[in-house]
N, C-alpha and C. Protein backbone atom coordinates (compact mmCIF):
# COMPACT_ATOMS: atom_id res chain seq x y z
N MET A 1 -153.18 -39.22 121.00
CA MET A 1 -153.72 -39.75 119.97
C MET A 1 -152.66 -39.58 118.92
N VAL A 2 -152.02 -38.41 118.95
CA VAL A 2 -150.99 -38.03 117.72
C VAL A 2 -149.88 -39.12 117.77
N ILE A 3 -149.38 -39.26 119.05
CA ILE A 3 -148.48 -40.14 119.46
C ILE A 3 -148.56 -41.44 118.81
N VAL A 4 -149.95 -41.87 119.01
CA VAL A 4 -150.23 -43.37 118.53
C VAL A 4 -150.05 -43.25 117.16
N VAL A 5 -150.65 -42.35 116.59
CA VAL A 5 -150.66 -42.38 115.10
C VAL A 5 -149.10 -42.40 114.44
N LEU A 6 -148.34 -41.62 115.09
CA LEU A 6 -146.95 -41.54 114.65
C LEU A 6 -146.27 -42.94 114.90
N VAL A 7 -146.57 -43.35 115.80
CA VAL A 7 -146.07 -44.81 116.20
C VAL A 7 -146.43 -45.77 115.19
N LEU A 8 -147.66 -45.63 114.73
CA LEU A 8 -148.07 -46.57 113.67
C LEU A 8 -147.62 -46.56 112.48
N LEU A 9 -147.42 -45.06 112.12
CA LEU A 9 -146.89 -44.71 110.62
C LEU A 9 -145.50 -45.16 110.61
N LEU A 10 -144.61 -45.08 111.85
CA LEU A 10 -143.37 -45.41 111.95
C LEU A 10 -143.35 -46.99 111.71
N GLY A 11 -144.32 -47.51 112.37
CA GLY A 11 -144.10 -48.96 112.39
C GLY A 11 -144.37 -49.47 110.91
N ILE A 12 -145.32 -48.99 110.24
CA ILE A 12 -145.77 -49.28 108.78
C ILE A 12 -144.41 -48.99 108.06
N GLY A 13 -143.87 -47.78 107.96
CA GLY A 13 -142.87 -47.59 107.39
C GLY A 13 -141.64 -48.43 107.69
N GLY A 14 -141.66 -48.91 108.83
CA GLY A 14 -140.40 -49.87 109.15
C GLY A 14 -140.80 -51.24 108.57
N LEU A 15 -142.21 -51.57 108.37
CA LEU A 15 -142.44 -52.96 107.95
C LEU A 15 -142.09 -52.79 106.16
N PHE A 16 -142.47 -51.58 105.64
CA PHE A 16 -142.19 -51.51 104.10
C PHE A 16 -140.57 -51.35 103.86
N LEU A 17 -139.98 -50.83 104.77
CA LEU A 17 -138.63 -50.86 104.88
C LEU A 17 -137.85 -52.35 104.62
N ILE A 18 -138.34 -52.94 105.49
CA ILE A 18 -137.79 -54.51 105.79
C ILE A 18 -138.37 -55.32 104.64
N ALA A 19 -139.45 -54.92 104.15
CA ALA A 19 -140.14 -55.79 102.92
C ALA A 19 -139.18 -55.39 101.63
N GLY A 20 -138.96 -54.23 101.51
CA GLY A 20 -138.27 -53.72 100.28
C GLY A 20 -136.73 -54.25 100.40
N ARG A 21 -136.30 -54.24 101.50
CA ARG A 21 -134.79 -55.05 101.73
C ARG A 21 -134.77 -56.59 101.45
N ARG A 22 -135.77 -57.08 101.86
CA ARG A 22 -136.11 -58.58 101.64
C ARG A 22 -136.07 -58.59 100.12
N SER A 23 -137.07 -57.87 99.54
CA SER A 23 -137.27 -58.02 98.13
C SER A 23 -135.95 -57.85 97.25
N ALA A 24 -135.15 -56.88 97.60
CA ALA A 24 -134.16 -56.56 97.11
C ALA A 24 -133.02 -57.87 97.14
N ASN A 25 -133.09 -58.30 98.46
CA ASN A 25 -132.08 -59.56 98.66
C ASN A 25 -132.51 -60.67 97.85
N ALA A 26 -133.84 -60.91 97.82
CA ALA A 26 -134.39 -62.01 97.00
C ALA A 26 -134.10 -61.82 95.48
N GLN A 27 -134.17 -60.75 95.05
CA GLN A 27 -133.72 -60.53 93.83
C GLN A 27 -132.38 -60.53 93.32
N GLN A 28 -131.31 -60.16 94.18
CA GLN A 28 -130.14 -60.35 94.12
C GLN A 28 -129.56 -61.61 94.13
N GLN A 29 -130.30 -62.55 95.13
CA GLN A 29 -129.88 -64.07 95.20
C GLN A 29 -130.50 -64.56 93.99
N GLN A 30 -131.44 -64.33 93.36
CA GLN A 30 -132.21 -64.80 91.95
C GLN A 30 -131.08 -64.61 91.01
N THR A 31 -130.55 -63.13 90.74
CA THR A 31 -129.76 -63.19 89.63
C THR A 31 -128.45 -63.86 89.84
N LEU A 32 -127.99 -64.20 91.29
CA LEU A 32 -126.69 -64.85 91.42
C LEU A 32 -127.06 -66.30 91.11
N SER A 33 -128.36 -66.92 91.42
CA SER A 33 -128.65 -68.20 91.24
C SER A 33 -128.69 -68.29 89.56
N ASP A 34 -129.35 -67.54 88.98
CA ASP A 34 -129.34 -67.53 87.59
C ASP A 34 -127.96 -67.58 86.89
N ALA A 35 -127.05 -66.85 87.25
CA ALA A 35 -125.73 -66.66 86.57
C ALA A 35 -125.06 -68.04 86.84
N ARG A 36 -125.11 -68.47 88.23
CA ARG A 36 -124.32 -69.79 88.37
C ARG A 36 -125.07 -70.78 87.71
N ALA A 37 -126.40 -70.87 87.46
CA ALA A 37 -126.69 -71.87 86.44
C ALA A 37 -126.47 -71.88 85.08
N ASP A 38 -126.46 -70.77 84.76
CA ASP A 38 -126.06 -70.44 83.34
C ASP A 38 -124.48 -70.84 83.08
N ALA A 39 -123.72 -70.51 84.09
CA ALA A 39 -122.33 -70.91 83.75
C ALA A 39 -122.19 -72.48 83.86
N GLN A 40 -122.80 -73.02 84.64
CA GLN A 40 -122.67 -74.47 84.92
C GLN A 40 -123.25 -75.17 83.65
N ARG A 41 -124.40 -74.53 83.21
CA ARG A 41 -125.05 -75.21 81.99
C ARG A 41 -123.92 -75.26 80.73
N TRP A 42 -123.52 -74.29 80.68
CA TRP A 42 -122.33 -74.10 79.40
C TRP A 42 -120.93 -75.07 79.93
N TYR A 43 -120.64 -75.16 81.04
CA TYR A 43 -119.39 -75.84 81.61
C TYR A 43 -119.75 -77.22 81.30
N GLY A 44 -121.02 -77.64 81.76
CA GLY A 44 -121.31 -79.07 81.63
C GLY A 44 -121.35 -79.47 80.11
N ARG A 45 -121.97 -78.45 79.47
CA ARG A 45 -122.11 -79.03 77.90
C ARG A 45 -120.69 -79.00 77.29
N LEU A 46 -119.65 -78.10 77.80
CA LEU A 46 -118.20 -78.47 77.29
C LEU A 46 -117.85 -79.72 77.68
N GLY A 47 -117.91 -80.19 78.84
CA GLY A 47 -117.31 -81.55 79.26
C GLY A 47 -117.93 -82.68 78.73
N GLY A 48 -119.30 -82.53 78.47
CA GLY A 48 -119.99 -83.47 77.50
C GLY A 48 -119.26 -83.62 76.11
N GLN A 49 -119.09 -82.54 75.56
CA GLN A 49 -118.48 -82.33 74.02
C GLN A 49 -117.06 -83.05 73.96
N LEU A 50 -116.26 -82.63 75.16
CA LEU A 50 -114.96 -83.08 75.05
C LEU A 50 -114.93 -84.75 75.36
N VAL A 51 -115.73 -85.25 76.07
CA VAL A 51 -115.93 -86.59 76.23
C VAL A 51 -116.20 -87.51 74.83
N SER A 52 -116.90 -86.83 74.26
CA SER A 52 -117.59 -87.46 72.98
C SER A 52 -116.83 -87.36 71.75
N LEU A 53 -115.97 -86.31 71.83
CA LEU A 53 -115.29 -85.86 70.35
C LEU A 53 -113.82 -86.29 70.32
N ARG A 54 -113.31 -87.04 69.24
CA ARG A 54 -112.10 -87.27 69.19
C ARG A 54 -111.48 -86.98 67.70
N GLY A 55 -110.29 -86.98 67.47
CA GLY A 55 -109.60 -86.78 66.18
C GLY A 55 -108.36 -87.05 66.13
N ASP A 56 -107.53 -87.65 65.01
CA ASP A 56 -106.30 -87.74 64.96
C ASP A 56 -105.62 -86.54 64.15
N ASP A 57 -106.44 -85.93 63.53
CA ASP A 57 -105.73 -84.57 62.71
C ASP A 57 -105.07 -83.72 63.95
N PRO A 58 -103.89 -83.40 63.54
CA PRO A 58 -103.27 -82.30 64.42
C PRO A 58 -103.82 -81.10 64.82
N ALA A 59 -104.66 -80.41 63.98
CA ALA A 59 -105.54 -79.34 64.06
C ALA A 59 -106.61 -79.77 65.04
N VAL A 60 -107.27 -80.74 64.62
CA VAL A 60 -108.56 -81.30 65.94
C VAL A 60 -107.94 -81.42 67.08
N ARG A 61 -106.69 -82.04 67.32
CA ARG A 61 -106.24 -82.50 68.68
C ARG A 61 -105.99 -81.19 69.29
N GLN A 62 -105.19 -80.35 68.55
CA GLN A 62 -104.78 -78.92 69.16
C GLN A 62 -106.08 -78.33 69.57
N ALA A 63 -107.16 -78.17 68.69
CA ALA A 63 -108.27 -77.41 69.12
C ALA A 63 -109.01 -78.09 70.42
N LEU A 64 -108.90 -79.48 70.37
CA LEU A 64 -109.62 -80.11 71.71
C LEU A 64 -108.64 -79.86 72.83
N ASN A 65 -107.44 -79.84 72.88
CA ASN A 65 -106.26 -79.61 73.77
C ASN A 65 -106.79 -78.08 74.44
N ASP A 66 -106.93 -77.10 73.50
CA ASP A 66 -107.29 -75.91 73.91
C ASP A 66 -108.59 -75.78 74.70
N ALA A 67 -109.72 -76.65 74.03
CA ALA A 67 -111.01 -76.59 74.69
C ALA A 67 -110.94 -77.40 76.25
N ALA A 68 -110.05 -78.47 76.35
CA ALA A 68 -110.00 -78.99 77.52
C ALA A 68 -109.16 -77.93 78.61
N GLU A 69 -108.28 -77.04 78.12
CA GLU A 69 -107.72 -76.24 79.30
C GLU A 69 -108.62 -75.18 79.44
N ARG A 70 -109.64 -74.83 78.47
CA ARG A 70 -110.72 -73.86 78.99
C ARG A 70 -111.55 -74.45 80.14
N TYR A 71 -111.76 -75.91 79.72
CA TYR A 71 -112.65 -76.70 80.75
C TYR A 71 -112.33 -76.65 82.10
N GLN A 72 -110.95 -76.97 82.20
CA GLN A 72 -110.21 -76.84 83.57
C GLN A 72 -110.22 -75.59 84.32
N ALA A 73 -109.94 -74.62 83.30
CA ALA A 73 -110.19 -73.00 83.76
C ALA A 73 -111.44 -72.72 84.31
N ALA A 74 -112.61 -73.10 83.54
CA ALA A 74 -113.86 -72.73 83.86
C ALA A 74 -114.15 -73.43 85.23
N GLY A 75 -113.71 -74.63 85.33
CA GLY A 75 -114.11 -75.24 86.65
C GLY A 75 -113.41 -74.83 87.86
N GLY A 76 -112.27 -74.17 87.56
CA GLY A 76 -111.62 -73.39 88.68
C GLY A 76 -112.26 -72.36 89.13
N GLN A 77 -112.72 -71.51 88.14
CA GLN A 77 -113.53 -70.40 88.19
C GLN A 77 -114.77 -70.54 88.88
N LEU A 78 -115.57 -71.64 88.52
CA LEU A 78 -116.85 -71.87 89.21
C LEU A 78 -116.52 -72.37 90.68
N ASP A 79 -115.41 -72.94 91.02
CA ASP A 79 -115.14 -73.10 92.19
C ASP A 79 -115.10 -72.06 93.16
N GLN A 80 -114.48 -71.05 92.89
CA GLN A 80 -114.14 -69.84 93.48
C GLN A 80 -115.14 -68.68 93.31
N ALA A 81 -115.97 -68.80 92.41
CA ALA A 81 -116.98 -67.97 92.09
C ALA A 81 -118.08 -67.54 93.10
N ARG A 82 -118.09 -66.45 93.57
CA ARG A 82 -119.18 -65.84 94.54
C ARG A 82 -120.06 -64.88 94.10
N THR A 83 -119.71 -64.04 92.98
CA THR A 83 -120.56 -62.95 92.17
C THR A 83 -120.84 -63.10 91.03
N VAL A 84 -121.90 -62.35 90.62
CA VAL A 84 -122.66 -62.54 89.42
C VAL A 84 -121.54 -62.45 88.23
N THR A 85 -120.59 -61.35 88.58
CA THR A 85 -119.47 -61.23 87.64
C THR A 85 -118.51 -62.33 87.55
N GLN A 86 -118.16 -63.07 88.44
CA GLN A 86 -117.24 -64.13 88.59
C GLN A 86 -117.96 -65.48 87.78
N TYR A 87 -119.18 -65.49 88.06
CA TYR A 87 -120.01 -66.60 87.21
C TYR A 87 -119.89 -66.34 85.80
N GLN A 88 -120.10 -64.90 85.21
CA GLN A 88 -120.26 -64.55 84.14
C GLN A 88 -118.82 -64.72 83.35
N LEU A 89 -117.84 -64.61 84.21
CA LEU A 89 -116.35 -64.91 83.52
C LEU A 89 -116.46 -66.53 83.30
N ALA A 90 -116.78 -67.24 84.35
CA ALA A 90 -116.76 -68.83 84.22
C ALA A 90 -117.49 -69.03 82.93
N ARG A 91 -118.59 -68.56 82.77
CA ARG A 91 -119.31 -68.89 81.37
C ARG A 91 -118.55 -68.46 80.09
N GLU A 92 -118.02 -67.38 80.25
CA GLU A 92 -117.20 -66.87 78.95
C GLU A 92 -116.22 -67.92 78.71
N THR A 93 -115.57 -68.59 79.67
CA THR A 93 -114.26 -69.38 79.76
C THR A 93 -114.88 -70.72 78.89
N ALA A 94 -116.19 -71.10 79.65
CA ALA A 94 -116.80 -72.35 79.01
C ALA A 94 -117.05 -72.10 77.53
N LEU A 95 -117.56 -71.15 77.24
CA LEU A 95 -117.97 -70.70 75.91
C LEU A 95 -116.81 -70.58 74.79
N GLU A 96 -115.77 -70.18 75.27
CA GLU A 96 -114.56 -70.14 74.66
C GLU A 96 -114.19 -71.53 74.39
N GLY A 97 -114.09 -72.53 75.37
CA GLY A 97 -113.93 -73.87 75.12
C GLY A 97 -114.91 -74.68 74.25
N LEU A 98 -116.05 -74.12 74.07
CA LEU A 98 -116.96 -74.66 73.03
C LEU A 98 -116.89 -74.04 71.71
N THR A 99 -116.20 -72.96 71.50
CA THR A 99 -115.85 -72.56 70.38
C THR A 99 -114.73 -73.26 69.69
N TYR A 100 -113.75 -73.55 70.57
CA TYR A 100 -112.50 -74.63 70.20
C TYR A 100 -113.30 -75.92 69.85
N VAL A 101 -114.27 -76.33 70.65
CA VAL A 101 -114.57 -77.67 70.16
C VAL A 101 -115.34 -77.50 68.76
N ARG A 102 -116.21 -76.47 68.56
CA ARG A 102 -116.85 -76.13 67.34
C ARG A 102 -115.72 -76.19 66.09
N ALA A 103 -114.74 -75.58 66.29
CA ALA A 103 -113.59 -75.62 65.29
C ALA A 103 -113.10 -76.94 65.00
N ALA A 104 -113.06 -77.77 65.93
CA ALA A 104 -112.71 -78.98 65.90
C ALA A 104 -113.75 -79.84 64.94
N ARG A 105 -114.76 -79.66 65.33
CA ARG A 105 -115.98 -80.30 64.44
C ARG A 105 -115.98 -79.93 63.40
N VAL A 106 -115.61 -78.31 62.89
CA VAL A 106 -115.57 -78.07 61.61
C VAL A 106 -114.30 -78.82 60.74
N ALA A 107 -113.13 -78.98 61.45
CA ALA A 107 -112.02 -79.45 61.00
C ALA A 107 -112.40 -80.88 60.33
N LEU A 108 -113.11 -81.67 61.48
CA LEU A 108 -113.54 -82.94 61.17
C LEU A 108 -114.50 -83.23 60.14
N GLY A 109 -115.22 -82.18 59.70
CA GLY A 109 -116.25 -82.29 58.81
C GLY A 109 -117.67 -82.86 59.43
N VAL A 110 -117.76 -82.68 60.58
CA VAL A 110 -119.03 -83.17 61.14
C VAL A 110 -119.99 -82.14 61.71
N ASP A 111 -121.12 -82.34 62.07
CA ASP A 111 -122.10 -81.35 62.19
C ASP A 111 -121.67 -80.66 63.38
N THR A 112 -121.85 -79.38 63.48
CA THR A 112 -121.24 -78.43 64.36
C THR A 112 -122.33 -78.01 65.49
N GLY A 113 -123.39 -78.55 65.26
CA GLY A 113 -124.66 -78.36 66.24
C GLY A 113 -125.16 -76.82 66.28
N PRO A 114 -125.82 -76.40 67.25
CA PRO A 114 -126.37 -75.05 67.22
C PRO A 114 -125.45 -74.22 67.51
N GLU A 115 -125.81 -72.80 67.18
CA GLU A 115 -124.81 -71.52 67.19
C GLU A 115 -124.79 -71.46 68.59
N LEU A 116 -123.44 -70.91 68.66
CA LEU A 116 -123.17 -70.54 70.27
C LEU A 116 -123.13 -68.98 70.32
N PRO A 117 -123.53 -68.58 71.57
CA PRO A 117 -123.35 -67.01 71.83
C PRO A 117 -122.13 -66.53 71.47
N GLU A 118 -122.11 -65.19 71.23
CA GLU A 118 -120.79 -64.54 70.74
C GLU A 118 -120.01 -64.38 72.03
N LEU A 119 -118.86 -64.70 71.86
CA LEU A 119 -117.89 -64.31 72.82
C LEU A 119 -117.64 -62.80 73.29
N ALA A 120 -117.91 -62.38 74.11
CA ALA A 120 -117.39 -61.09 74.47
C ALA A 120 -116.13 -60.50 74.20
N SER A 121 -115.18 -61.33 74.45
CA SER A 121 -113.67 -60.95 74.24
C SER A 121 -113.50 -60.84 72.52
N ALA A 122 -114.61 -61.66 71.84
CA ALA A 122 -114.17 -61.55 70.35
C ALA A 122 -115.07 -60.70 69.49
N ARG A 123 -115.87 -59.92 70.34
CA ARG A 123 -116.74 -59.17 69.54
C ARG A 123 -116.23 -57.98 68.68
N GLY A 124 -116.47 -57.97 67.52
CA GLY A 124 -116.01 -56.99 66.62
C GLY A 124 -114.80 -57.26 65.94
N THR A 125 -114.32 -58.70 66.12
CA THR A 125 -113.02 -58.85 65.57
C THR A 125 -113.08 -59.36 64.18
N GLY A 126 -114.14 -59.79 63.72
CA GLY A 126 -114.23 -60.41 62.17
C GLY A 126 -113.72 -61.76 62.19
N MET A 127 -113.70 -62.43 61.26
CA MET A 127 -113.06 -63.60 60.81
C MET A 127 -112.04 -63.74 59.56
N VAL A 128 -111.11 -64.52 59.67
CA VAL A 128 -110.25 -64.58 58.56
C VAL A 128 -110.84 -65.04 57.48
N ASP A 129 -110.80 -64.33 56.09
CA ASP A 129 -111.86 -64.87 55.09
C ASP A 129 -111.09 -65.46 53.89
N ASP A 130 -109.53 -65.48 53.86
CA ASP A 130 -108.95 -66.20 52.83
C ASP A 130 -107.53 -66.56 53.55
N GLU A 131 -106.86 -67.04 52.56
CA GLU A 131 -105.64 -67.60 53.05
C GLU A 131 -104.47 -66.28 53.04
N ARG A 132 -103.55 -66.33 54.06
CA ARG A 132 -102.81 -65.02 54.19
C ARG A 132 -101.38 -65.76 54.55
N GLN A 133 -100.28 -64.96 54.26
CA GLN A 133 -98.92 -65.44 54.78
C GLN A 133 -98.14 -64.18 54.79
N VAL A 134 -97.27 -63.94 55.71
CA VAL A 134 -96.40 -62.77 56.11
C VAL A 134 -95.19 -63.60 56.44
N SER A 135 -94.10 -62.56 56.48
CA SER A 135 -92.74 -62.76 57.04
C SER A 135 -92.31 -61.78 57.80
N VAL A 136 -91.97 -62.23 58.99
CA VAL A 136 -91.44 -61.39 59.98
C VAL A 136 -90.35 -61.90 60.40
N ALA A 137 -89.32 -60.96 60.55
CA ALA A 137 -88.04 -61.49 61.17
C ALA A 137 -87.18 -62.56 60.54
N GLY A 138 -87.56 -62.97 59.42
CA GLY A 138 -87.05 -64.32 58.95
C GLY A 138 -87.92 -65.50 59.09
N GLN A 139 -89.09 -65.20 59.93
CA GLN A 139 -90.17 -66.31 60.10
C GLN A 139 -91.47 -66.03 59.37
N VAL A 140 -92.09 -67.14 58.74
CA VAL A 140 -93.07 -67.02 57.88
C VAL A 140 -94.50 -67.47 58.88
N TYR A 141 -95.21 -66.53 58.81
CA TYR A 141 -96.64 -66.86 59.53
C TYR A 141 -97.78 -66.91 58.56
N ARG A 142 -98.74 -67.83 58.51
CA ARG A 142 -99.81 -68.07 58.04
C ARG A 142 -101.09 -67.85 58.81
N ALA A 143 -102.23 -67.83 57.96
CA ALA A 143 -103.58 -67.72 58.53
C ALA A 143 -104.61 -68.11 57.42
N GLY A 144 -105.60 -68.70 57.79
CA GLY A 144 -106.68 -69.08 56.84
C GLY A 144 -107.94 -69.18 57.54
N PRO A 145 -109.13 -69.37 56.76
CA PRO A 145 -110.26 -69.70 57.38
C PRO A 145 -110.52 -71.09 57.71
N GLN A 146 -109.62 -72.03 57.17
CA GLN A 146 -109.98 -73.61 57.52
C GLN A 146 -108.59 -74.09 58.01
N ALA A 147 -108.61 -75.31 58.79
CA ALA A 147 -107.66 -75.75 59.26
C ALA A 147 -106.88 -76.66 58.11
N SER A 148 -105.46 -76.52 58.34
CA SER A 148 -104.74 -77.23 57.45
C SER A 148 -103.32 -77.53 58.11
N SER A 149 -102.65 -78.34 57.55
CA SER A 149 -101.24 -78.84 58.03
C SER A 149 -100.46 -77.66 58.22
N GLN A 150 -100.55 -76.60 57.67
CA GLN A 150 -99.72 -75.39 57.92
C GLN A 150 -100.33 -74.32 58.79
N THR A 151 -101.72 -74.44 59.12
CA THR A 151 -102.41 -73.73 59.95
C THR A 151 -103.17 -74.46 60.91
N PRO A 152 -102.50 -75.05 61.97
CA PRO A 152 -103.14 -76.01 62.95
C PRO A 152 -103.80 -75.49 64.24
N TYR A 153 -103.57 -74.06 64.36
CA TYR A 153 -103.95 -73.40 65.58
C TYR A 153 -105.05 -72.56 65.39
N TYR A 154 -106.21 -72.69 66.02
CA TYR A 154 -107.40 -72.05 65.90
C TYR A 154 -107.42 -71.02 67.01
N TYR A 155 -107.94 -69.79 66.48
CA TYR A 155 -108.09 -68.69 67.52
C TYR A 155 -109.57 -68.24 67.37
N PRO A 156 -110.33 -68.15 68.44
CA PRO A 156 -111.69 -67.62 68.13
C PRO A 156 -111.82 -66.12 68.15
N GLY A 157 -110.73 -65.42 68.04
CA GLY A 157 -110.97 -64.00 67.85
C GLY A 157 -110.90 -63.12 69.21
N GLY A 158 -110.06 -62.18 69.00
CA GLY A 158 -109.82 -61.36 70.34
C GLY A 158 -108.92 -60.01 70.01
N TRP A 159 -108.76 -59.33 71.06
CA TRP A 159 -108.10 -58.06 71.02
C TRP A 159 -106.79 -58.28 71.40
N VAL A 160 -105.57 -58.10 70.61
CA VAL A 160 -104.45 -58.24 71.14
C VAL A 160 -103.50 -56.86 71.07
N GLY A 161 -102.87 -56.47 72.01
CA GLY A 161 -102.22 -55.24 71.83
C GLY A 161 -103.10 -54.04 71.20
N GLY A 162 -104.29 -54.04 71.61
CA GLY A 162 -105.33 -53.03 71.14
C GLY A 162 -106.01 -53.03 69.87
N ARG A 163 -105.40 -54.23 69.16
CA ARG A 163 -105.84 -54.56 67.65
C ARG A 163 -106.96 -55.58 67.66
N PRO A 164 -107.64 -55.86 66.76
CA PRO A 164 -108.67 -57.10 66.66
C PRO A 164 -107.71 -58.05 65.77
N VAL A 165 -107.86 -59.17 66.42
CA VAL A 165 -107.37 -60.36 65.97
C VAL A 165 -108.36 -61.48 65.22
N PRO A 166 -108.67 -61.46 64.09
CA PRO A 166 -109.96 -62.28 63.69
C PRO A 166 -109.77 -63.83 63.94
N ALA A 167 -110.87 -64.33 64.09
CA ALA A 167 -111.05 -65.67 64.34
C ALA A 167 -110.60 -66.57 63.13
N GLY A 168 -109.82 -67.57 63.33
CA GLY A 168 -109.18 -68.38 62.18
C GLY A 168 -108.41 -69.14 62.47
N TRP A 169 -107.50 -70.00 61.56
CA TRP A 169 -106.65 -70.82 61.84
C TRP A 169 -105.28 -70.32 61.51
N TYR A 170 -104.10 -70.19 62.36
CA TYR A 170 -102.84 -69.79 62.25
C TYR A 170 -101.84 -70.96 62.20
N SER A 171 -100.60 -70.45 61.89
CA SER A 171 -99.43 -71.40 61.79
C SER A 171 -98.96 -71.47 63.22
N THR A 172 -99.07 -70.72 63.96
CA THR A 172 -98.55 -70.52 65.31
C THR A 172 -99.22 -69.84 66.36
N PRO A 173 -99.49 -70.13 67.50
CA PRO A 173 -100.30 -69.35 68.37
C PRO A 173 -99.30 -68.30 68.93
N TRP A 174 -99.14 -67.40 68.10
CA TRP A 174 -98.36 -66.21 68.58
C TRP A 174 -99.05 -65.20 69.36
N TRP A 175 -100.42 -65.26 69.61
CA TRP A 175 -101.14 -64.29 70.42
C TRP A 175 -100.97 -64.72 71.87
N LYS A 176 -100.66 -65.90 71.97
CA LYS A 176 -100.34 -66.37 73.34
C LYS A 176 -99.14 -65.65 74.26
N THR A 177 -98.13 -65.51 73.43
CA THR A 177 -97.14 -64.88 73.98
C THR A 177 -97.34 -63.32 73.99
N ALA A 178 -98.03 -62.74 73.02
CA ALA A 178 -98.35 -61.38 72.75
C ALA A 178 -99.15 -60.86 73.92
N LEU A 179 -100.12 -61.79 74.13
CA LEU A 179 -101.11 -61.36 75.27
C LEU A 179 -100.36 -61.58 76.84
N ALA A 180 -99.47 -62.47 76.82
CA ALA A 180 -98.58 -62.42 78.17
C ALA A 180 -97.69 -61.29 78.32
N THR A 181 -97.21 -60.63 77.21
CA THR A 181 -96.02 -59.73 77.19
C THR A 181 -96.59 -58.34 76.60
N GLY A 182 -97.87 -58.27 76.42
CA GLY A 182 -98.20 -56.87 75.89
C GLY A 182 -97.68 -56.89 74.38
N ALA A 183 -97.72 -57.88 73.80
CA ALA A 183 -97.43 -57.89 72.45
C ALA A 183 -96.06 -57.21 71.96
N GLY A 184 -95.13 -57.52 73.03
CA GLY A 184 -93.76 -57.07 72.84
C GLY A 184 -92.76 -58.14 72.36
N VAL A 185 -93.16 -59.16 71.78
CA VAL A 185 -92.59 -60.21 71.24
C VAL A 185 -92.75 -60.44 69.72
N LEU A 186 -92.08 -61.38 69.02
CA LEU A 186 -92.19 -61.75 67.71
C LEU A 186 -91.77 -60.46 66.75
N GLY A 187 -90.98 -59.66 67.08
CA GLY A 187 -90.73 -58.53 66.25
C GLY A 187 -91.58 -57.26 66.61
N GLY A 188 -92.22 -57.28 67.85
CA GLY A 188 -93.23 -56.33 68.31
C GLY A 188 -94.34 -56.20 67.32
N MET A 189 -94.58 -54.83 67.08
CA MET A 189 -95.58 -54.56 66.19
C MET A 189 -95.36 -54.93 64.81
N LEU A 190 -94.06 -55.34 64.67
CA LEU A 190 -94.07 -55.68 63.20
C LEU A 190 -94.93 -56.79 62.79
N LEU A 191 -95.21 -57.61 63.67
CA LEU A 191 -96.06 -58.72 62.98
C LEU A 191 -97.33 -58.43 62.88
N PHE A 192 -97.74 -57.54 63.85
CA PHE A 192 -99.39 -56.77 63.67
C PHE A 192 -99.31 -55.91 62.45
N ASP A 193 -98.16 -55.08 62.14
CA ASP A 193 -98.20 -54.41 60.87
C ASP A 193 -98.11 -55.17 59.48
N ALA A 194 -97.54 -56.38 59.52
CA ALA A 194 -97.51 -57.37 58.37
C ALA A 194 -98.83 -58.04 58.39
N PHE A 195 -99.33 -58.47 59.32
CA PHE A 195 -100.57 -59.32 59.17
C PHE A 195 -101.76 -58.19 58.98
N PHE A 196 -101.96 -57.02 59.47
CA PHE A 196 -103.01 -56.24 59.52
C PHE A 196 -102.62 -55.10 58.46
N ALA A 197 -101.99 -55.28 57.35
CA ALA A 197 -101.77 -54.52 56.19
C ALA A 197 -102.73 -54.77 55.00
N GLY A 198 -103.38 -53.62 54.77
CA GLY A 198 -104.40 -54.09 53.58
C GLY A 198 -105.82 -53.76 53.93
N PRO A 199 -106.71 -54.20 53.05
CA PRO A 199 -108.13 -54.06 53.38
C PRO A 199 -108.67 -54.81 54.49
N HIS A 200 -109.55 -53.92 55.25
CA HIS A 200 -109.85 -54.77 56.50
C HIS A 200 -111.35 -55.47 56.31
N HIS A 201 -111.56 -56.49 56.68
CA HIS A 201 -112.78 -57.18 56.44
C HIS A 201 -113.85 -57.59 57.50
N GLY A 202 -113.71 -56.57 58.69
CA GLY A 202 -114.66 -56.79 59.59
C GLY A 202 -114.21 -56.42 60.79
N GLY A 203 -114.77 -55.66 61.88
CA GLY A 203 -114.33 -55.64 63.09
C GLY A 203 -113.93 -53.97 63.16
N PRO A 204 -113.88 -53.45 64.36
CA PRO A 204 -113.52 -51.98 64.30
C PRO A 204 -111.97 -51.97 64.33
N GLY A 205 -111.36 -50.72 64.22
CA GLY A 205 -109.96 -50.57 64.35
C GLY A 205 -109.46 -50.60 65.76
N PRO A 206 -108.29 -49.84 65.95
CA PRO A 206 -107.86 -49.83 67.66
C PRO A 206 -108.86 -49.41 68.18
N LEU A 207 -108.65 -49.61 69.88
CA LEU A 207 -109.41 -48.91 70.71
C LEU A 207 -109.67 -47.57 70.74
N ASP A 208 -108.96 -46.78 69.96
CA ASP A 208 -109.39 -45.28 70.07
C ASP A 208 -110.59 -45.24 69.17
N GLY A 209 -111.22 -46.30 68.51
CA GLY A 209 -112.33 -46.17 67.83
C GLY A 209 -112.27 -45.72 66.29
N GLY A 210 -111.15 -45.32 65.98
CA GLY A 210 -110.91 -44.62 64.74
C GLY A 210 -110.77 -45.95 63.60
N GLY A 211 -110.81 -45.47 62.38
CA GLY A 211 -110.85 -46.55 61.31
C GLY A 211 -109.43 -47.32 61.11
N PHE A 212 -109.47 -48.45 61.11
CA PHE A 212 -108.07 -49.25 61.06
C PHE A 212 -108.16 -50.12 59.51
N ASP A 213 -107.09 -49.86 58.89
CA ASP A 213 -106.70 -50.67 57.67
C ASP A 213 -106.17 -51.81 58.12
N GLY A 214 -106.95 -52.78 58.54
CA GLY A 214 -106.31 -54.01 58.95
C GLY A 214 -106.13 -55.00 57.73
N PHE A 215 -105.31 -56.22 58.29
CA PHE A 215 -104.97 -57.10 57.15
C PHE A 215 -106.13 -57.87 56.96
N PHE A 216 -107.19 -58.12 57.83
CA PHE A 216 -108.27 -58.98 57.48
C PHE A 216 -109.52 -58.20 57.02
């Protein structure tokens, strides 16, 4: 009798274990499916925006070109994604592309549509709030809150060399080379020191968490 009871208990325990594993697997699959659908949704929206938006202004063309690059990158990421994290990365890339599209719409003076989710890479970096100009190694760099003939390159905000670079329009995409080389170009940190000297208008300081008297 005791043996029968033990067998029954073991059997019931086994059933609960199997059911628990199946439930966990189903939850993981649902989470993965949700992440995939979310990434594909923003990717599709980016593609639709690129098809419908045009502009002859150099700043608009540049922003749309940057958005198209993110569209291609997000498509490649989606093709290779197999995990939730990978789908989240594809989502972030698509959202970054949409941020460039939104900048192009602002430059065109047309409706920007609904607000976009905040980019994880731009969190805490702030925005350029007025016209700025610095000279480094004999070259002039400009930044401003709006597109102009002197600031045709949009940047959605991000961390470069451990420092926050605010969203805004710049005279040259210096951050691309800085990100690729660890900010070891364009006069090294001289450019950062020039751009980020003065009162700081948003976003934390360096990655150590201390105060940062940034340029913006």
